[in-house]
Amino acid sequence: MKRKRLDRDVGWGFQGFPYYQLRLDTDGFHGLASLIDIRSGKEYFWNTEKAGKIPTTGKGMKWLQLVPDGKKRLITAMYRPNGRLSVCYVDVMERLEYDPDGVAAYVDKYLDVVFTPEGDAAVLDRDELDEAYEKKDITREQYLSAIKEGEDIFSEMCSDIGKTVGRLDVIFKTVTKMAGNGEISPLHTKYGKK
């Protein structure tokens, strides 16, 4: 299993982005929330069946990341510069940790769920999970819990994608407003701590 920081400091081509992280308790969400405000960097796109070619990174995009209390998942909602959700990618995770600089990190448990507002929805990387189990990189309990969490994510988030997008949009607006009016400060930028 790979350990990944929520500031996505490796591999995505972000440049000069502020990273916000906070505990969020609202009517619709309780847990860790973070926001990456992409100011520059490479544009990347994914091709999907229903939504077509969709942006995942690029100038003006924002990534809202959520780890709900009591769940083993990291929800990454990738928003376009106009504030419209492009795609949501949900990682099944083993656990959440914190680095000495305060940035949250998660241990990725292979399985993922991805969906778009247009109705694309899929479970990804089951082959990677199966392979990790066959190689004894994970226990039977970890394997079965990953499958269960993936099923729960798909059932809870993809059975009514429109409703899920609406909930994510409310959280996104709350966190971006807090960042915009200075209620939360960036934990750091790519160029160093604030």
Protein backbone atom coordinates (compact mmCIF):
# COMPACT_ATOMS: atom_id res chain seq x y z
CA MET A 1 0.00 0.00 0.00
CA LYS A 2 1.24 3.47 -0.86
CA ARG A 3 1.18 6.44 1.46
CA LYS A 4 0.11 9.72 -0.15
CA ARG A 5 -0.08 13.26 1.22
CA LEU A 6 -3.28 15.21 0.71
CA ASP A 7 -1.32 18.19 -0.60
CA ARG A 8 -0.48 15.94 -3.57
CA ASP A 9 3.07 17.23 -3.52
CA VAL A 10 4.31 14.59 -5.97
CA GLY A 11 3.25 13.64 -9.47
CA TRP A 12 0.41 15.97 -10.43
CA GLY A 13 2.29 18.90 -12.00
CA PHE A 14 0.80 21.55 -9.72
CA GLN A 15 2.78 24.77 -9.40
CA GLY A 16 2.37 27.52 -6.82
CA PHE A 17 -0.78 26.22 -5.18
CA PRO A 18 -2.00 27.03 -1.69
CA TYR A 19 -3.10 24.02 0.34
CA TYR A 20 -5.80 24.48 2.98
CA GLN A 21 -6.69 21.85 5.59
CA LEU A 22 -9.27 21.99 8.35
CA ARG A 23 -11.63 20.07 10.56
CA LEU A 24 -15.15 20.70 9.21
CA ASP A 25 -18.36 20.14 11.13
CA THR A 26 -21.49 21.23 9.26
CA ASP A 27 -25.01 19.89 8.87
CA GLY A 28 -23.89 17.86 5.85
CA PHE A 29 -20.35 16.82 6.74
CA HIS A 30 -18.14 15.92 9.68
CA GLY A 31 -14.48 15.17 9.12
CA LEU A 32 -11.26 16.39 7.54
CA ALA A 33 -11.53 18.76 4.58
CA SER A 34 -8.78 20.14 2.41
CA LEU A 35 -8.62 22.38 -0.62
CA ILE A 36 -5.95 22.64 -3.29
CA ASP A 37 -6.26 25.88 -5.28
CA ILE A 38 -4.38 25.19 -8.52
CA ARG A 39 -2.84 28.45 -9.72
CA SER A 40 -0.69 27.07 -12.53
CA GLY A 41 0.74 23.87 -13.94
CA LYS A 42 0.02 21.31 -16.61
CA GLU A 43 -3.51 20.62 -17.79
CA TYR A 44 -4.58 16.99 -17.73
CA PHE A 45 -7.80 15.46 -19.03
CA TRP A 46 -9.56 12.12 -18.68
CA ASN A 47 -11.83 10.65 -21.33
CA THR A 48 -15.14 9.30 -20.08
CA GLU A 49 -18.06 7.67 -21.84
CA LYS A 50 -20.84 10.07 -20.83
CA ALA A 51 -19.04 13.27 -19.83
CA GLY A 52 -16.48 13.08 -22.66
CA LYS A 53 -13.11 14.77 -22.20
CA ILE A 54 -12.99 16.23 -18.68
CA PRO A 55 -10.31 18.31 -16.94
CA THR A 56 -8.62 17.00 -13.81
CA THR A 57 -5.87 19.60 -13.34
CA GLY A 58 -4.99 22.99 -14.74
CA LYS A 59 -4.98 26.68 -13.89
CA GLY A 60 -8.06 27.73 -11.96
CA MET A 61 -9.16 24.25 -10.91
CA LYS A 62 -9.73 23.42 -7.26
CA TRP A 63 -9.63 20.03 -5.56
CA LEU A 64 -11.85 19.52 -2.54
CA GLN A 65 -10.72 16.49 -0.52
CA LEU A 66 -12.83 14.98 2.23
CA VAL A 67 -12.26 12.22 4.77
CA PRO A 68 -15.61 11.67 6.50
CA ASP A 69 -15.58 10.59 10.14
CA GLY A 70 -15.98 6.84 10.56
CA LYS A 71 -15.24 6.02 6.90
CA LYS A 72 -12.20 4.55 5.17
CA ARG A 73 -12.26 6.80 2.13
CA LEU A 74 -10.75 9.93 0.64
CA ILE A 75 -13.17 11.80 -1.60
CA THR A 76 -11.46 14.05 -4.16
CA ALA A 77 -13.91 16.32 -5.97
CA MET A 78 -12.17 18.10 -8.86
CA TYR A 79 -13.82 21.42 -9.68
CA ARG A 80 -13.47 23.43 -12.89
CA PRO A 81 -12.58 27.15 -12.78
CA ASN A 82 -16.29 27.98 -13.14
CA GLY A 83 -17.05 26.09 -9.91
CA ARG A 84 -18.69 23.11 -11.63
CA LEU A 85 -17.71 19.59 -10.57
CA SER A 86 -15.69 17.85 -13.28
CA VAL A 87 -15.15 14.43 -11.69
CA CYS A 88 -15.09 12.80 -8.29
CA TYR A 89 -12.48 10.18 -7.45
CA VAL A 90 -12.83 8.23 -4.22
CA ASP A 91 -9.90 6.25 -2.82
CA VAL A 92 -10.47 3.39 -0.41
CA MET A 93 -7.91 3.89 2.32
CA GLU A 94 -6.39 1.87 5.14
CA ARG A 95 -5.90 4.83 7.48
CA LEU A 96 -5.33 8.56 7.81
CA GLU A 97 -2.08 9.91 9.28
CA TYR A 98 -0.45 13.30 9.78
CA ASP A 99 3.09 14.33 8.87
CA PRO A 100 5.21 16.47 11.24
CA ASP A 101 4.32 19.57 9.18
CA GLY A 102 0.62 18.93 9.88
CA VAL A 103 -0.34 17.77 6.38
CA ALA A 104 -2.68 14.78 6.35
CA ALA A 105 -1.63 11.63 4.49
CA TYR A 106 -3.53 8.45 3.71
CA VAL A 107 -2.51 4.87 3.09
CA ASP A 108 -4.12 3.92 -0.22
CA LYS A 109 -5.86 0.55 -0.29
CA TYR A 110 -5.88 0.09 -4.08
CA LEU A 111 -9.63 0.16 -4.81
CA ASP A 112 -11.23 3.35 -6.18
CA VAL A 113 -14.64 4.62 -7.26
CA VAL A 114 -14.96 7.36 -9.87
CA PHE A 115 -18.03 9.21 -11.10
CA THR A 116 -19.03 12.31 -13.05
CA PRO A 117 -22.11 14.55 -12.75
CA GLU A 118 -23.13 13.28 -16.20
CA GLY A 119 -23.57 9.75 -14.84
CA ASP A 120 -20.29 7.93 -15.45
CA ALA A 121 -19.65 5.60 -12.50
CA ALA A 122 -17.13 2.80 -12.07
CA VAL A 123 -15.13 0.82 -9.55
CA LEU A 124 -11.44 0.89 -10.53
CA ASP A 125 -8.30 -1.07 -9.70
CA ARG A 126 -9.96 -4.24 -8.39
CA ASP A 127 -7.17 -6.11 -10.21
CA GLU A 128 -4.57 -4.26 -8.11
CA LEU A 129 -6.42 -5.16 -4.92
CA ASP A 130 -6.69 -8.81 -5.98
CA GLU A 131 -2.99 -8.91 -6.87
CA ALA A 132 -1.98 -7.39 -3.52
CA TYR A 133 -4.01 -10.06 -1.73
CA GLU A 134 -2.58 -12.88 -3.84
CA LYS A 135 0.96 -11.66 -3.12
CA LYS A 136 0.09 -11.45 0.60
CA ASP A 137 0.82 -7.70 0.65
CA ILE A 138 -2.50 -7.33 2.49
CA THR A 139 -4.38 -9.63 4.83
CA ARG A 140 -7.74 -11.27 4.12
CA GLU A 141 -9.34 -8.84 6.56
CA GLN A 142 -7.84 -5.83 4.73
CA TYR A 143 -8.93 -7.29 1.38
CA LEU A 144 -12.51 -7.87 2.49
CA SER A 145 -12.76 -4.49 4.20
CA ALA A 146 -11.56 -2.76 0.99
CA ILE A 147 -14.24 -4.55 -1.04
CA LYS A 148 -16.91 -3.63 1.52
CA GLU A 149 -15.84 0.03 1.60
CA GLY A 150 -15.83 0.15 -2.22
CA GLU A 151 -19.35 -1.30 -2.32
CA ASP A 152 -20.49 1.19 0.32
CA ILE A 153 -18.99 4.13 -1.60
CA PHE A 154 -20.65 3.05 -4.83
CA SER A 155 -24.00 2.51 -3.12
CA GLU A 156 -23.92 5.73 -1.08
CA MET A 157 -22.44 8.08 -3.68
CA CYS A 158 -23.40 6.67 -7.09
CA SER A 159 -26.99 5.51 -6.57
CA ASP A 160 -28.12 9.17 -6.87
CA ILE A 161 -25.22 11.08 -8.38
CA GLY A 162 -27.21 14.31 -8.65
CA LYS A 163 -27.87 14.30 -4.91
CA THR A 164 -24.21 13.50 -4.17
CA VAL A 165 -23.03 16.34 -6.43
CA GLY A 166 -25.40 18.71 -4.63
CA ARG A 167 -23.94 17.74 -1.23
CA LEU A 168 -20.37 18.10 -2.51
CA ASP A 169 -21.18 21.51 -4.03
CA VAL A 170 -22.43 22.82 -0.67
CA ILE A 171 -19.23 21.69 1.06
CA PHE A 172 -17.09 23.09 -1.77
CA LYS A 173 -18.77 26.50 -1.52
CA THR A 174 -18.35 26.52 2.27
CA VAL A 175 -14.63 25.69 2.18
CA THR A 176 -13.78 28.00 -0.75
CA LYS A 177 -15.65 30.85 0.96
CA MET A 178 -13.73 30.23 4.20
CA ALA A 179 -10.44 30.26 2.27
CA GLY A 180 -11.43 33.32 0.25
CA ASN A 181 -12.40 35.48 3.22
CA GLY A 182 -9.42 34.44 5.35
CA GLU A 183 -11.25 32.26 7.90
CA ILE A 184 -8.63 29.62 7.14
CA SER A 185 -5.07 30.23 6.03
CA PRO A 186 -3.08 28.00 3.69
CA LEU A 187 -1.16 25.36 5.61
CA HIS A 188 1.50 25.87 2.96
CA THR A 189 2.14 26.55 -0.70
CA LYS A 190 4.33 24.55 -3.01
CA TYR A 191 7.05 27.12 -2.38
CA GLY A 192 7.18 26.65 1.37
CA LYS A 193 5.21 27.14 4.54
CA LYS A 194 3.19 30.26 5.03
